[in-house]
């Protein structure tokens, strides 16, 4: 449950054929001081590792345009043979 001044980070999903966005159980709530600290750390990481800051997630690639392509992705499924 979020308190006043908290920032919630939560994963959402949309069922196939539906338009309603629904929350998952995956998420966290950060107090304002924790949120500010996280932003500072993110800036330090992005400055120190510019290649990481400019990285594009693999699921934006053309091979993820269908389920089979996503299933064969070695980054998404590292234990698949």
Protein backbone atom coordinates (compact mmCIF):
# COMPACT_ATOMS: atom_id res chain seq x y z
CA UNK A 1 0.00 0.00 0.00
CA UNK A 2 1.41 3.38 -1.01
CA UNK A 3 1.67 6.14 1.55
CA UNK A 4 1.64 9.84 0.72
CA UNK A 5 5.04 10.72 -0.74
CA UNK A 6 5.84 7.16 -1.90
CA UNK A 7 6.72 6.26 -5.47
CA UNK A 8 5.36 3.00 -6.78
CA UNK A 9 7.14 0.96 -9.45
CA UNK A 10 4.92 -1.81 -10.74
CA UNK A 11 4.74 -4.05 -13.79
CA UNK A 12 1.48 -3.97 -15.75
CA UNK A 13 -0.01 -6.16 -18.49
CA UNK A 14 -2.84 -6.21 -21.02
CA UNK A 15 -4.60 -9.47 -21.83
CA UNK A 16 -4.69 -10.43 -25.50
CA UNK A 17 -7.81 -8.97 -27.10
CA UNK A 18 -8.45 -6.67 -24.12
CA UNK A 19 -7.76 -2.95 -23.72
CA UNK A 20 -7.71 -2.68 -19.93
CA UNK A 21 -4.28 -2.30 -18.31
CA UNK A 22 -3.99 -4.40 -15.17
CA UNK A 23 -1.28 -4.41 -12.48
CA UNK A 24 0.75 -7.49 -11.59
CA UNK A 25 1.93 -8.41 -8.10
CA UNK A 26 5.48 -7.49 -9.13
CA UNK A 27 6.42 -4.09 -7.79
CA UNK A 28 7.95 -1.99 -5.05
CA UNK A 29 7.20 1.23 -3.20
CA UNK A 30 10.02 3.69 -2.48
CA UNK A 31 9.97 6.50 0.04
CA UNK A 32 10.80 9.93 -1.32
CA UNK A 33 14.37 9.81 0.09
CA UNK A 34 14.90 6.34 -1.43
CA UNK A 35 13.57 7.56 -4.79
CA UNK A 36 15.98 10.53 -4.75
CA UNK A 37 18.89 8.22 -3.88
CA UNK A 38 17.93 5.82 -6.67
CA UNK A 39 17.88 8.66 -9.21
CA UNK A 40 21.37 9.73 -8.12
CA UNK A 41 22.70 6.18 -8.45
CA UNK A 42 21.08 5.83 -11.89
CA UNK A 43 22.81 9.02 -13.05
CA UNK A 44 26.18 7.72 -11.77
CA UNK A 45 25.71 4.39 -13.55
CA UNK A 46 24.65 6.07 -16.80
CA UNK A 47 27.68 8.38 -16.64
CA UNK A 48 30.15 5.60 -15.82
CA UNK A 49 28.75 3.09 -18.35
CA UNK A 50 27.64 5.01 -21.43
CA UNK A 51 27.19 1.82 -23.46
CA UNK A 52 24.72 0.61 -20.83
CA UNK A 53 22.89 3.95 -20.85
CA UNK A 54 22.49 3.72 -24.65
CA UNK A 55 21.62 0.02 -24.77
CA UNK A 56 18.53 -1.17 -26.59
CA UNK A 57 16.62 -4.10 -25.05
CA UNK A 58 16.67 -7.25 -27.15
CA UNK A 59 12.86 -7.38 -27.26
CA UNK A 60 12.86 -4.28 -29.48
CA UNK A 61 14.63 -6.30 -32.19
CA UNK A 62 12.98 -7.75 -35.27
CA UNK A 63 13.47 -11.29 -34.01
CA UNK A 64 11.04 -10.65 -31.13
CA UNK A 65 8.08 -9.83 -33.35
CA UNK A 66 6.55 -13.24 -32.68
CA UNK A 67 6.58 -15.78 -29.85
CA UNK A 68 8.96 -18.17 -31.57
CA UNK A 69 11.57 -15.46 -32.04
CA UNK A 70 11.29 -14.43 -28.39
CA UNK A 71 11.56 -18.06 -27.25
CA UNK A 72 14.81 -18.54 -29.21
CA UNK A 73 16.41 -15.36 -27.81
CA UNK A 74 19.51 -16.30 -25.80
CA UNK A 75 19.22 -13.15 -23.67
CA UNK A 76 15.59 -13.77 -22.69
CA UNK A 77 16.01 -17.53 -22.25
CA UNK A 78 19.65 -18.13 -21.32
CA UNK A 79 19.12 -21.78 -20.35
CA UNK A 80 17.59 -22.91 -23.64
CA UNK A 81 19.77 -25.18 -25.79
